[in-house]
């Protein structure tokens, strides 16, 4: 089976969230998504930064928790998380939700990478 890497630019801007606030994005996933291997996991990549006192956030994809770190304040960080392909639903819109859980958090340039069969 031949495959290639594909991606979706979920958000090409920046936004901030206060504690308990969330932002949800919805994008279609191709029907030829490869979902069933340990070597073909999707990757969610993004930038994040917090107030000087730090912060925490959670990310859910299709209502499934995939990532929830605490970060120290100050610098912008490039972050990414590999997650099981079974979290994505091929051929339909999928949701990605960012939620601040502690202090104000900023996010930018959200990219969803995945492999598709060709």
PDB file of N, CA and C in Angstrom:
ATOM      1  N   UNK A   1       0.848  -1.176   0.000  1.00  0.00           N
ATOM      2  CA  UNK A   1       0.000   0.000   0.000  1.00  0.00           C
ATOM      3  C   UNK A   1       0.894   1.241   0.000  1.00  0.00           C
ATOM      4  N   UNK A   2       0.697   2.097  -0.973  1.00  0.00           N
ATOM      5  CA  UNK A   2       1.445   3.355  -1.023  1.00  0.00           C
ATOM      6  C   UNK A   2       0.680   4.424  -0.252  1.00  0.00           C
ATOM      7  N   UNK A   3       1.438   5.296   0.399  1.00  0.00           N
ATOM      8  CA  UNK A   3       0.800   6.371   1.162  1.00  0.00           C
ATOM      9  C   UNK A   3       1.612   7.640   1.026  1.00  0.00           C
ATOM     10  N   UNK A   4       0.990   8.727   1.407  1.00  0.00           N
ATOM     11  CA  UNK A   4       1.698   9.999   1.472  1.00  0.00           C
ATOM     12  C   UNK A   4       1.171  10.805   2.637  1.00  0.00           C
ATOM     13  N   UNK A   5       1.955  11.784   3.023  1.00  0.00           N
ATOM     14  CA  UNK A   5       1.569  12.662   4.129  1.00  0.00           C
ATOM     15  C   UNK A   5       0.711  13.795   3.585  1.00  0.00           C
ATOM     16  N   UNK A   6      -0.358  14.082   4.254  1.00  0.00           N
ATOM     17  CA  UNK A   6      -1.247  15.176   3.890  1.00  0.00           C
ATOM     18  C   UNK A   6      -1.474  16.012   5.141  1.00  0.00           C
ATOM     19  N   UNK A   7      -2.006  17.204   4.976  1.00  0.00           N
ATOM     20  CA  UNK A   7      -2.268  18.046   6.141  1.00  0.00           C
ATOM     21  C   UNK A   7      -3.426  18.985   5.869  1.00  0.00           C
ATOM     22  N   UNK A   8      -3.984  19.499   6.952  1.00  0.00           N
ATOM     23  CA  UNK A   8      -5.025  20.524   6.897  1.00  0.00           C
ATOM     24  C   UNK A   8      -4.572  21.674   7.778  1.00  0.00           C
ATOM     25  N   UNK A   9      -4.645  22.886   7.246  1.00  0.00           N
ATOM     26  CA  UNK A   9      -4.393  24.076   8.064  1.00  0.00           C
ATOM     27  C   UNK A   9      -5.701  24.364   8.800  1.00  0.00           C
ATOM     28  N   UNK A  10      -5.756  23.975  10.049  1.00  0.00           N
ATOM     29  CA  UNK A  10      -6.961  24.137  10.863  1.00  0.00           C
ATOM     30  C   UNK A  10      -7.195  25.613  11.166  1.00  0.00           C
ATOM     31  N   UNK A  11      -6.118  26.347  11.459  1.00  0.00           N
ATOM     32  CA  UNK A  11      -6.212  27.783  11.752  1.00  0.00           C
ATOM     33  C   UNK A  11      -4.879  28.435  11.420  1.00  0.00           C
ATOM     34  N   UNK A  12      -4.923  29.466  10.582  1.00  0.00           N
ATOM     35  CA  UNK A  12      -3.712  30.178  10.174  1.00  0.00           C
ATOM     36  C   UNK A  12      -3.656  31.551  10.829  1.00  0.00           C
ATOM     37  N   UNK A  13      -4.082  31.636  12.046  1.00  0.00           N
ATOM     38  CA  UNK A  13      -4.059  32.888  12.796  1.00  0.00           C
ATOM     39  C   UNK A  13      -3.753  32.576  14.238  1.00  0.00           C
ATOM     40  N   UNK A  14      -4.067  33.520  15.104  1.00  0.00           N
ATOM     41  CA  UNK A  14      -3.869  33.287  16.534  1.00  0.00           C
ATOM     42  C   UNK A  14      -5.143  33.659  17.283  1.00  0.00           C
ATOM     43  N   UNK A  15      -5.299  33.085  18.458  1.00  0.00           N
ATOM     44  CA  UNK A  15      -6.435  33.393  19.321  1.00  0.00           C
ATOM     45  C   UNK A  15      -6.026  33.106  20.752  1.00  0.00           C
ATOM     46  N   UNK A  16      -6.748  33.680  21.689  1.00  0.00           N
ATOM     47  CA  UNK A  16      -6.466  33.448  23.108  1.00  0.00           C
ATOM     48  C   UNK A  16      -7.717  32.928  23.796  1.00  0.00           C
ATOM     49  N   UNK A  17      -7.484  32.188  24.882  1.00  0.00           N
ATOM     50  CA  UNK A  17      -8.580  31.641  25.680  1.00  0.00           C
ATOM     51  C   UNK A  17      -8.309  31.896  27.150  1.00  0.00           C
ATOM     52  N   UNK A  18      -9.317  32.374  27.848  1.00  0.00           N
ATOM     53  CA  UNK A  18      -9.264  32.488  29.302  1.00  0.00           C
ATOM     54  C   UNK A  18      -9.698  31.155  29.904  1.00  0.00           C
ATOM     55  N   UNK A  19      -9.411  30.914  31.188  1.00  0.00           N
ATOM     56  CA  UNK A  19      -9.814  29.650  31.806  1.00  0.00           C
ATOM     57  C   UNK A  19     -11.294  29.347  31.569  1.00  0.00           C
ATOM     58  N   UNK A  20     -11.580  28.107  31.226  1.00  0.00           N
ATOM     59  CA  UNK A  20     -12.918  27.575  30.929  1.00  0.00           C
ATOM     60  C   UNK A  20     -13.436  27.957  29.553  1.00  0.00           C
ATOM     61  N   UNK A  21     -12.742  28.816  28.820  1.00  0.00           N
ATOM     62  CA  UNK A  21     -13.158  29.129  27.455  1.00  0.00           C
ATOM     63  C   UNK A  21     -12.605  28.077  26.505  1.00  0.00           C
ATOM     64  N   UNK A  22     -13.326  27.893  25.380  1.00  0.00           N
ATOM     65  CA  UNK A  22     -12.866  26.938  24.380  1.00  0.00           C
ATOM     66  C   UNK A  22     -13.087  27.494  22.982  1.00  0.00           C
ATOM     67  N   UNK A  23     -12.373  26.933  22.034  1.00  0.00           N
ATOM     68  CA  UNK A  23     -12.507  27.277  20.620  1.00  0.00           C
ATOM     69  C   UNK A  23     -12.528  25.966  19.851  1.00  0.00           C
ATOM     70  N   UNK A  24     -13.552  25.789  19.013  1.00  0.00           N
ATOM     71  CA  UNK A  24     -13.708  24.551  18.256  1.00  0.00           C
ATOM     72  C   UNK A  24     -13.607  24.836  16.769  1.00  0.00           C
ATOM     73  N   UNK A  25     -12.890  23.976  16.070  1.00  0.00           N
ATOM     74  CA  UNK A  25     -12.737  24.055  14.623  1.00  0.00           C
ATOM     75  C   UNK A  25     -13.291  22.772  14.020  1.00  0.00           C
ATOM     76  N   UNK A  26     -13.828  22.869  12.814  1.00  0.00           N
ATOM     77  CA  UNK A  26     -14.388  21.707  12.134  1.00  0.00           C
ATOM     78  C   UNK A  26     -13.833  21.659  10.715  1.00  0.00           C
ATOM     79  N   UNK A  27     -13.230  20.527  10.357  1.00  0.00           N
ATOM     80  CA  UNK A  27     -12.633  20.362   9.034  1.00  0.00           C
ATOM     81  C   UNK A  27     -12.881  18.947   8.533  1.00  0.00           C
ATOM     82  N   UNK A  28     -13.053  18.795   7.201  1.00  0.00           N
ATOM     83  CA  UNK A  28     -13.248  17.453   6.648  1.00  0.00           C
ATOM     84  C   UNK A  28     -11.932  16.681   6.587  1.00  0.00           C
ATOM     85  N   UNK A  29     -12.011  15.399   6.853  1.00  0.00           N
ATOM     86  CA  UNK A  29     -10.869  14.492   6.742  1.00  0.00           C
ATOM     87  C   UNK A  29     -11.102  13.617   5.508  1.00  0.00           C
ATOM     88  N   UNK A  30     -10.101  13.460   4.651  1.00  0.00           N
ATOM     89  CA  UNK A  30     -10.282  12.660   3.435  1.00  0.00           C
ATOM     90  C   UNK A  30     -10.700  11.217   3.737  1.00  0.00           C
ATOM     91  N   UNK A  31     -11.473  10.644   2.833  1.00  0.00           N
ATOM     92  CA  UNK A  31     -11.966   9.280   3.037  1.00  0.00           C
ATOM     93  C   UNK A  31     -10.864   8.231   2.884  1.00  0.00           C
ATOM     94  N   UNK A  32      -9.716   8.599   2.300  1.00  0.00           N
ATOM     95  CA  UNK A  32      -8.618   7.645   2.138  1.00  0.00           C
ATOM     96  C   UNK A  32      -7.594   7.727   3.279  1.00  0.00           C
ATOM     97  N   UNK A  33      -8.010   8.263   4.428  1.00  0.00           N
ATOM     98  CA  UNK A  33      -7.161   8.342   5.619  1.00  0.00           C
ATOM     99  C   UNK A  33      -6.695   6.950   6.043  1.00  0.00           C
ATOM    100  N   UNK A  34      -5.425   6.826   6.401  1.00  0.00           N
ATOM    101  CA  UNK A  34      -4.907   5.584   6.982  1.00  0.00           C
ATOM    102  C   UNK A  34      -5.082   5.693   8.491  1.00  0.00           C
ATOM    103  N   UNK A  35      -5.869   4.785   9.076  1.00  0.00           N
ATOM    104  CA  UNK A  35      -6.187   4.934  10.501  1.00  0.00           C
ATOM    105  C   UNK A  35      -5.639   3.835  11.393  1.00  0.00           C
ATOM    106  N   UNK A  36      -5.165   2.718  10.833  1.00  0.00           N
ATOM    107  CA  UNK A  36      -4.959   1.568  11.691  1.00  0.00           C
ATOM    108  C   UNK A  36      -3.552   1.118  11.998  1.00  0.00           C
ATOM    109  N   UNK A  37      -2.530   1.978  11.930  1.00  0.00           N
ATOM    110  CA  UNK A  37      -1.182   1.499  12.228  1.00  0.00           C
ATOM    111  C   UNK A  37      -0.504   2.374  13.274  1.00  0.00           C
ATOM    112  N   UNK A  38       0.479   1.802  13.952  1.00  0.00           N
ATOM    113  CA  UNK A  38       1.260   2.568  14.927  1.00  0.00           C
ATOM    114  C   UNK A  38       2.234   3.521  14.256  1.00  0.00           C
ATOM    115  N   UNK A  39       2.538   3.305  12.994  1.00  0.00           N
ATOM    116  CA  UNK A  39       3.504   4.145  12.290  1.00  0.00           C
ATOM    117  C   UNK A  39       2.837   5.225  11.442  1.00  0.00           C
ATOM    118  N   UNK A  40       1.547   5.227  11.380  1.00  0.00           N
ATOM    119  CA  UNK A  40       0.823   6.213  10.574  1.00  0.00           C
ATOM    120  C   UNK A  40      -0.130   7.024  11.441  1.00  0.00           C
ATOM    121  N   UNK A  41       0.348   7.426  12.604  1.00  0.00           N
ATOM    122  CA  UNK A  41      -0.499   8.209  13.502  1.00  0.00           C
ATOM    123  C   UNK A  41      -0.600   9.654  13.018  1.00  0.00           C
ATOM    124  N   UNK A  42      -1.783  10.264  13.136  1.00  0.00           N
ATOM    125  CA  UNK A  42      -1.909  11.695  12.858  1.00  0.00           C
ATOM    126  C   UNK A  42      -1.124  12.502  13.890  1.00  0.00           C
ATOM    127  N   UNK A  43      -0.781  13.715  13.507  1.00  0.00           N
ATOM    128  CA  UNK A  43      -0.054  14.628  14.392  1.00  0.00           C
ATOM    129  C   UNK A  43      -0.752  15.981  14.364  1.00  0.00           C
ATOM    130  N   UNK A  44      -1.053  16.517  15.534  1.00  0.00           N
ATOM    131  CA  UNK A  44      -1.577  17.869  15.656  1.00  0.00           C
ATOM    132  C   UNK A  44      -0.417  18.762  16.080  1.00  0.00           C
ATOM    133  N   UNK A  45      -0.102  19.765  15.262  1.00  0.00           N
ATOM    134  CA  UNK A  45       1.006  20.684  15.544  1.00  0.00           C
ATOM    135  C   UNK A  45       0.451  22.099  15.683  1.00  0.00           C
ATOM    136  N   UNK A  46       1.044  22.880  16.594  1.00  0.00           N
ATOM    137  CA  UNK A  46       0.550  24.234  16.835  1.00  0.00           C
ATOM    138  C   UNK A  46       1.565  25.007  17.660  1.00  0.00           C
ATOM    139  N   UNK A  47       1.354  26.315  17.750  1.00  0.00           N
ATOM    140  CA  UNK A  47       2.129  27.165  18.653  1.00  0.00           C
ATOM    141  C   UNK A  47       1.252  27.500  19.855  1.00  0.00           C
ATOM    142  N   UNK A  48       1.877  27.624  21.033  1.00  0.00           N
ATOM    143  CA  UNK A  48       1.144  28.008  22.246  1.00  0.00           C
ATOM    144  C   UNK A  48       2.057  28.813  23.148  1.00  0.00           C
ATOM    145  N   UNK A  49       1.453  29.730  23.896  1.00  0.00           N
ATOM    146  CA  UNK A  49       2.185  30.478  24.919  1.00  0.00           C
ATOM    147  C   UNK A  49       1.215  30.910  25.993  1.00  0.00           C
ATOM    148  N   UNK A  50       1.766  31.172  27.182  1.00  0.00           N
ATOM    149  CA  UNK A  50       0.935  31.462  28.356  1.00  0.00           C
ATOM    150  C   UNK A  50       1.351  32.781  28.993  1.00  0.00           C
ATOM    151  N   UNK A  51       0.564  33.207  29.964  1.00  0.00           N
ATOM    152  CA  UNK A  51       0.913  34.382  30.763  1.00  0.00           C
ATOM    153  C   UNK A  51       2.227  34.097  31.490  1.00  0.00           C
ATOM    154  N   UNK A  52       2.895  35.111  32.023  1.00  0.00           N
ATOM    155  CA  UNK A  52       4.165  34.876  32.726  1.00  0.00           C
ATOM    156  C   UNK A  52       4.070  33.843  33.850  1.00  0.00           C
ATOM    157  N   UNK A  53       2.893  33.680  34.447  1.00  0.00           N
ATOM    158  CA  UNK A  53       2.749  32.698  35.530  1.00  0.00           C
ATOM    159  C   UNK A  53       2.458  31.286  35.014  1.00  0.00           C
ATOM    160  N   UNK A  54       2.437  31.099  33.702  1.00  0.00           N
ATOM    161  CA  UNK A  54       2.195  29.782  33.119  1.00  0.00           C
ATOM    162  C   UNK A  54       0.719  29.516  32.899  1.00  0.00           C
ATOM    163  N   UNK A  55       0.404  28.324  32.466  1.00  0.00           N
ATOM    164  CA  UNK A  55      -0.981  27.972  32.210  1.00  0.00           C
ATOM    165  C   UNK A  55      -1.114  26.513  31.820  1.00  0.00           C
ATOM    166  N   UNK A  56      -2.345  26.104  31.580  1.00  0.00           N
ATOM    167  CA  UNK A  56      -2.632  24.730  31.178  1.00  0.00           C
ATOM    168  C   UNK A  56      -3.808  24.736  30.213  1.00  0.00           C
ATOM    169  N   UNK A  57      -3.860  23.694  29.392  1.00  0.00           N
ATOM    170  CA  UNK A  57      -4.952  23.585  28.425  1.00  0.00           C
ATOM    171  C   UNK A  57      -5.185  22.127  28.088  1.00  0.00           C
ATOM    172  N   UNK A  58      -6.304  21.883  27.400  1.00  0.00           N
ATOM    173  CA  UNK A  58      -6.650  20.546  26.925  1.00  0.00           C
ATOM    174  C   UNK A  58      -7.068  20.638  25.473  1.00  0.00           C
ATOM    175  N   UNK A  59      -6.790  19.569  24.747  1.00  0.00           N
ATOM    176  CA  UNK A  59      -7.229  19.466  23.360  1.00  0.00           C
ATOM    177  C   UNK A  59      -8.031  18.184  23.211  1.00  0.00           C
ATOM    178  N   UNK A  60      -9.194  18.314  22.582  1.00  0.00           N
ATOM    179  CA  UNK A  60     -10.024  17.161  22.248  1.00  0.00           C
ATOM    180  C   UNK A  60     -10.239  17.135  20.745  1.00  0.00           C
ATOM    181  N   UNK A  61     -10.180  15.955  20.186  1.00  0.00           N
ATOM    182  CA  UNK A  61     -10.520  15.760  18.782  1.00  0.00           C
ATOM    183  C   UNK A  61     -11.706  14.818  18.749  1.00  0.00           C
ATOM    184  N   UNK A  62     -12.785  15.269  18.136  1.00  0.00           N
ATOM    185  CA  UNK A  62     -14.035  14.495  18.107  1.00  0.00           C
ATOM    186  C   UNK A  62     -14.428  14.023  19.507  1.00  0.00           C
ATOM    187  N   UNK A  63     -14.348  14.936  20.463  1.00  0.00           N
ATOM    188  CA  UNK A  63     -14.728  14.691  21.860  1.00  0.00           C
ATOM    189  C   UNK A  63     -13.850  13.657  22.571  1.00  0.00           C
ATOM    190  N   UNK A  64     -12.670  13.378  22.025  1.00  0.00           N
ATOM    191  CA  UNK A  64     -11.712  12.469  22.659  1.00  0.00           C
ATOM    192  C   UNK A  64     -10.497  13.268  23.107  1.00  0.00           C
ATOM    193  N   UNK A  65     -10.155  13.180  24.385  1.00  0.00           N
ATOM    194  CA  UNK A  65      -8.990  13.881  24.911  1.00  0.00           C
ATOM    195  C   UNK A  65      -7.728  13.348  24.236  1.00  0.00           C
ATOM    196  N   UNK A  66      -6.880  14.275  23.704  1.00  0.00           N
ATOM    197  CA  UNK A  66      -5.628  13.845  23.081  1.00  0.00           C
ATOM    198  C   UNK A  66      -4.386  14.489  23.694  1.00  0.00           C
ATOM    199  N   UNK A  67      -4.541  15.627  24.402  1.00  0.00           N
ATOM    200  CA  UNK A  67      -3.346  16.306  24.918  1.00  0.00           C
ATOM    201  C   UNK A  67      -3.773  17.315  25.968  1.00  0.00           C
ATOM    202  N   UNK A  68      -3.009  17.428  27.058  1.00  0.00           N
ATOM    203  CA  UNK A  68      -3.355  18.366  28.117  1.00  0.00           C
ATOM    204  C   UNK A  68      -2.170  18.757  28.968  1.00  0.00           C
ATOM    205  N   UNK A  69      -1.240  19.529  28.442  1.00  0.00           N
ATOM    206  CA  UNK A  69      -0.042  19.887  29.211  1.00  0.00           C
ATOM    207  C   UNK A  69      -0.221  21.148  30.047  1.00  0.00           C
ATOM    208  N   UNK A  70       0.700  21.326  30.956  1.00  0.00           N
ATOM    209  CA  UNK A  70       0.913  22.615  31.622  1.00  0.00           C
ATOM    210  C   UNK A  70       2.162  23.209  30.992  1.00  0.00           C
ATOM    211  N   UNK A  71       2.156  24.518  30.765  1.00  0.00           N
ATOM    212  CA  UNK A  71       3.335  25.159  30.192  1.00  0.00           C
ATOM    213  C   UNK A  71       3.728  26.353  31.046  1.00  0.00           C
ATOM    214  N   UNK A  72       5.019  26.611  31.089  1.00  0.00           N
ATOM    215  CA  UNK A  72       5.496  27.785  31.816  1.00  0.00           C
ATOM    216  C   UNK A  72       5.272  29.016  30.950  1.00  0.00           C
ATOM    217  N   UNK A  73       5.270  30.174  31.569  1.00  0.00           N
ATOM    218  CA  UNK A  73       5.009  31.409  30.848  1.00  0.00           C
ATOM    219  C   UNK A  73       6.215  31.896  30.078  1.00  0.00           C
ATOM    220  N   UNK A  74       5.952  32.833  29.184  1.00  0.00           N
ATOM    221  CA  UNK A  74       7.053  33.468  28.478  1.00  0.00           C
ATOM    222  C   UNK A  74       7.069  33.172  27.001  1.00  0.00           C
ATOM    223  N   UNK A  75       7.966  32.299  26.585  1.00  0.00           N
ATOM    224  CA  UNK A  75       8.248  32.082  25.172  1.00  0.00           C
ATOM    225  C   UNK A  75       7.127  31.358  24.440  1.00  0.00           C
ATOM    226  N   UNK A  76       7.049  31.627  23.131  1.00  0.00           N
ATOM    227  CA  UNK A  76       6.162  30.873  22.252  1.00  0.00           C
ATOM    228  C   UNK A  76       6.783  29.499  22.030  1.00  0.00           C
ATOM    229  N   UNK A  77       5.961  28.475  22.117  1.00  0.00           N
ATOM    230  CA  UNK A  77       6.442  27.108  21.928  1.00  0.00           C
ATOM    231  C   UNK A  77       5.776  26.474  20.720  1.00  0.00           C
ATOM    232  N   UNK A  78       6.551  25.744  19.960  1.00  0.00           N
ATOM    233  CA  UNK A  78       6.001  24.879  18.932  1.00  0.00           C
ATOM    234  C   UNK A  78       5.735  23.532  19.573  1.00  0.00           C
ATOM    235  N   UNK A  79       4.503  23.074  19.545  1.00  0.00           N
ATOM    236  CA  UNK A  79       4.115  21.818  20.189  1.00  0.00           C
ATOM    237  C   UNK A  79       3.459  20.896  19.168  1.00  0.00           C
ATOM    238  N   UNK A  80       3.505  19.608  19.440  1.00  0.00           N
ATOM    239  CA  UNK A  80       2.830  18.641  18.597  1.00  0.00           C
ATOM    240  C   UNK A  80       2.487  17.421  19.432  1.00  0.00           C
ATOM    241  N   UNK A  81       1.464  16.710  18.989  1.00  0.00           N
ATOM    242  CA  UNK A  81       1.047  15.494  19.681  1.00  0.00           C
ATOM    243  C   UNK A  81       0.600  14.465  18.647  1.00  0.00           C
ATOM    244  N   UNK A  82       1.208  13.287  18.680  1.00  0.00           N
ATOM    245  CA  UNK A  82       0.754  12.160  17.869  1.00  0.00           C
ATOM    246  C   UNK A  82      -0.378  11.471  18.630  1.00  0.00           C
ATOM    247  N   UNK A  83      -1.393  11.039  17.912  1.00  0.00           N
ATOM    248  CA  UNK A  83      -2.539  10.391  18.555  1.00  0.00           C
ATOM    249  C   UNK A  83      -3.067   9.282  17.644  1.00  0.00           C
ATOM    250  N   UNK A  84      -3.850   8.357  18.173  1.00  0.00           N
ATOM    251  CA  UNK A  84      -4.339   7.237  17.366  1.00  0.00           C
ATOM    252  C   UNK A  84      -5.211   7.708  16.202  1.00  0.00           C
ATOM    253  N   UNK A  85      -4.984   7.109  15.042  1.00  0.00           N
ATOM    254  CA  UNK A  85      -5.775   7.463  13.868  1.00  0.00           C
ATOM    255  C   UNK A  85      -7.243   7.140  14.013  1.00  0.00           C
ATOM    256  N   UNK A  86      -7.579   6.235  14.919  1.00  0.00           N
ATOM    257  CA  UNK A  86      -8.979   5.869  15.128  1.00  0.00           C
ATOM    258  C   UNK A  86      -9.798   7.007  15.735  1.00  0.00           C
ATOM    259  N   UNK A  87      -9.133   8.059  16.201  1.00  0.00           N
ATOM    260  CA  UNK A  87      -9.841   9.227  16.740  1.00  0.00           C
ATOM    261  C   UNK A  87     -10.497  10.020  15.603  1.00  0.00           C
ATOM    262  N   UNK A  88      -9.896   9.970  14.412  1.00  0.00           N
ATOM    263  CA  UNK A  88     -10.431  10.712  13.268  1.00  0.00           C
ATOM    264  C   UNK A  88     -11.492   9.895  12.543  1.00  0.00           C
ATOM    265  N   UNK A  89     -12.435  10.600  11.919  1.00  0.00           N
ATOM    266  CA  UNK A  89     -13.514   9.978  11.157  1.00  0.00           C
ATOM    267  C   UNK A  89     -13.348  10.338   9.684  1.00  0.00           C
ATOM    268  N   UNK A  90     -12.884   9.392   8.852  1.00  0.00           N
ATOM    269  CA  UNK A  90     -12.644   9.702   7.450  1.00  0.00           C
ATOM    270  C   UNK A  90     -13.928  10.036   6.699  1.00  0.00           C
ATOM    271  N   UNK A  91     -13.796  10.966   5.750  1.00  0.00           N
ATOM    272  CA  UNK A  91     -14.890  11.296   4.855  1.00  0.00           C
ATOM    273  C   UNK A  91     -15.903  12.294   5.379  1.00  0.00           C
ATOM    274  N   UNK A  92     -15.742  12.765   6.608  1.00  0.00           N
ATOM    275  CA  UNK A  92     -16.687  13.736   7.169  1.00  0.00           C
ATOM    276  C   UNK A  92     -15.928  14.811   7.948  1.00  0.00           C
ATOM    277  N   UNK A  93     -16.665  15.825   8.395  1.00  0.00           N
ATOM    278  CA  UNK A  93     -16.050  16.857   9.230  1.00  0.00           C
ATOM    279  C   UNK A  93     -15.672  16.284  10.590  1.00  0.00           C
ATOM    280  N   UNK A  94     -14.519  16.702  11.088  1.00  0.00           N
ATOM    281  CA  UNK A  94     -14.013  16.325  12.403  1.00  0.00           C
ATOM    282  C   UNK A  94     -13.791  17.596  13.201  1.00  0.00           C
ATOM    283  N   UNK A  95     -13.930  17.519  14.520  1.00  0.00           N
ATOM    284  CA  UNK A  95     -13.761  18.708  15.354  1.00  0.00           C
ATOM    285  C   UNK A  95     -12.467  18.635  16.158  1.00  0.00           C
ATOM    286  N   UNK A  96     -11.839  19.792  16.290  1.00  0.00           N
ATOM    287  CA  UNK A  96     -10.669  19.970  17.145  1.00  0.00           C
ATOM    288  C   UNK A  96     -11.017  21.089  18.115  1.00  0.00           C
ATOM    289  N   UNK A  97     -10.994  20.797  19.414  1.00  0.00           N
ATOM    290  CA  UNK A  97     -11.357  21.796  20.422  1.00  0.00           C
ATOM    291  C   UNK A  97     -10.177  22.071  21.352  1.00  0.00           C
ATOM    292  N   UNK A  98      -9.858  23.358  21.504  1.00  0.00           N
ATOM    293  CA  UNK A  98      -8.844  23.824  22.449  1.00  0.00           C
ATOM    294  C   UNK A  98      -9.572  24.445  23.627  1.00  0.00           C
ATOM    295  N   UNK A  99      -9.152  24.103  24.863  1.00  0.00           N
ATOM    296  CA  UNK A  99      -9.794  24.638  26.067  1.00  0.00           C
ATOM    297  C   UNK A  99      -8.718  25.043  27.067  1.00  0.00           C
ATOM    298  N   UNK A 100      -8.777  26.291  27.539  1.00  0.00           N
ATOM    299  CA  UNK A 100      -7.872  26.746  28.599  1.00  0.00           C
ATOM    300  C   UNK A 100      -8.391  26.228  29.929  1.00  0.00           C
ATOM    301  N   UNK A 101      -7.492  25.679  30.747  1.00  0.00           N
ATOM    302  CA  UNK A 101      -7.896  25.165  32.055  1.00  0.00           C
ATOM    303  C   UNK A 101      -7.248  25.927  33.202  1.00  0.00           C
ATOM    304  N   UNK A 102      -6.155  26.632  32.909  1.00  0.00           N
ATOM    305  CA  UNK A 102      -5.472  27.406  33.947  1.00  0.00           C
ATOM    306  C   UNK A 102      -4.797  28.612  33.303  1.00  0.00           C
ATOM    307  N   UNK A 103      -5.184  29.801  33.705  1.00  0.00           N
ATOM    308  CA  UNK A 103      -4.644  31.065  33.185  1.00  0.00           C
ATOM    309  C   UNK A 103      -4.928  31.226  31.691  1.00  0.00           C
ATOM    310  N   UNK A 104      -4.579  32.370  31.167  1.00  0.00           N
ATOM    311  CA  UNK A 104      -4.828  32.679  29.765  1.00  0.00           C
ATOM    312  C   UNK A 104      -3.771  32.008  28.892  1.00  0.00           C
ATOM    313  N   UNK A 105      -4.232  31.425  27.778  1.00  0.00           N
ATOM    314  CA  UNK A 105      -3.361  30.727  26.835  1.00  0.00           C
ATOM    315  C   UNK A 105      -3.619  31.283  25.436  1.00  0.00           C
ATOM    316  N   UNK A 106      -2.561  31.428  24.658  1.00  0.00           N
ATOM    317  CA  UNK A 106      -2.654  31.836  23.259  1.00  0.00           C
ATOM    318  C   UNK A 106      -2.258  30.656  22.387  1.00  0.00           C
ATOM    319  N   UNK A 107      -2.906  30.542  21.220  1.00  0.00           N
ATOM    320  CA  UNK A 107      -2.613  29.487  20.250  1.00  0.00           C
ATOM    321  C   UNK A 107      -2.473  30.112  18.870  1.00  0.00           C
ATOM    322  N   UNK A 108      -1.702  29.462  18.011  1.00  0.00           N
ATOM    323  CA  UNK A 108      -1.540  29.948  16.639  1.00  0.00           C
ATOM    324  C   UNK A 108      -1.131  28.801  15.720  1.00  0.00           C
ATOM    325  N   UNK A 109      -1.396  28.987  14.437  1.00  0.00           N
ATOM    326  CA  UNK A 109      -0.894  28.122  13.357  1.00  0.00           C
ATOM    327  C   UNK A 109      -1.111  26.638  13.643  1.00  0.00           C
ATOM    328  N   UNK A 110      -2.368  26.230  13.663  1.00  0.00           N
ATOM    329  CA  UNK A 110      -2.737  24.850  13.991  1.00  0.00           C
ATOM    330  C   UNK A 110      -2.777  24.024  12.703  1.00  0.00           C
ATOM    331  N   UNK A 111      -1.985  22.955  12.681  1.00  0.00           N
ATOM    332  CA  UNK A 111      -1.891  22.088  11.508  1.00  0.00           C
ATOM    333  C   UNK A 111      -2.180  20.650  11.935  1.00  0.00           C
ATOM    334  N   UNK A 112      -3.045  19.967  11.194  1.00  0.00           N
ATOM    335  CA  UNK A 112      -3.328  18.554  11.426  1.00  0.00           C
ATOM    336  C   UNK A 112      -2.694  17.749  10.294  1.00  0.00           C
ATOM    337  N   UNK A 113      -1.703  16.921  10.642  1.00  0.00           N
ATOM    338  CA  UNK A 113      -0.989  16.066   9.689  1.00  0.00           C
ATOM    339  C   UNK A 113      -1.541  14.647   9.784  1.00  0.00           C
ATOM    340  N   UNK A 114      -1.614  13.956   8.643  1.00  0.00           N
ATOM    341  CA  UNK A 114      -2.086  12.576   8.632  1.00  0.00           C
ATOM    342  C   UNK A 114      -1.602  11.902   7.354  1.00  0.00           C
ATOM    343  N   UNK A 115      -1.701  10.582   7.316  1.00  0.00           N
ATOM    344  CA  UNK A 115      -1.318   9.839   6.118  1.00  0.00           C
ATOM    345  C   UNK A 115      -2.561   9.351   5.401  1.00  0.00           C
ATOM    346  N   UNK A 116      -2.476   9.381   4.079  1.00  0.00           N
ATOM    347  CA  UNK A 116      -3.565   8.896   3.239  1.00  0.00           C
ATOM    348  C   UNK A 116      -3.026   7.841   2.275  1.00  0.00           C
ATOM    349  N   UNK A 117      -3.907   6.954   1.888  1.00  0.00           N
ATOM    350  CA  UNK A 117      -3.559   5.924   0.911  1.00  0.00           C
ATOM    351  C   UNK A 117      -3.678   6.511  -0.487  1.00  0.00           C
ATOM    352  N   UNK A 118      -2.713   6.167  -1.353  1.00  0.00           N
ATOM    353  CA  UNK A 118      -2.795   6.659  -2.743  1.00  0.00           C
ATOM    354  C   UNK A 118      -2.873   5.496  -3.708  1.00  0.00           C
TER     355      UNK A 118
END
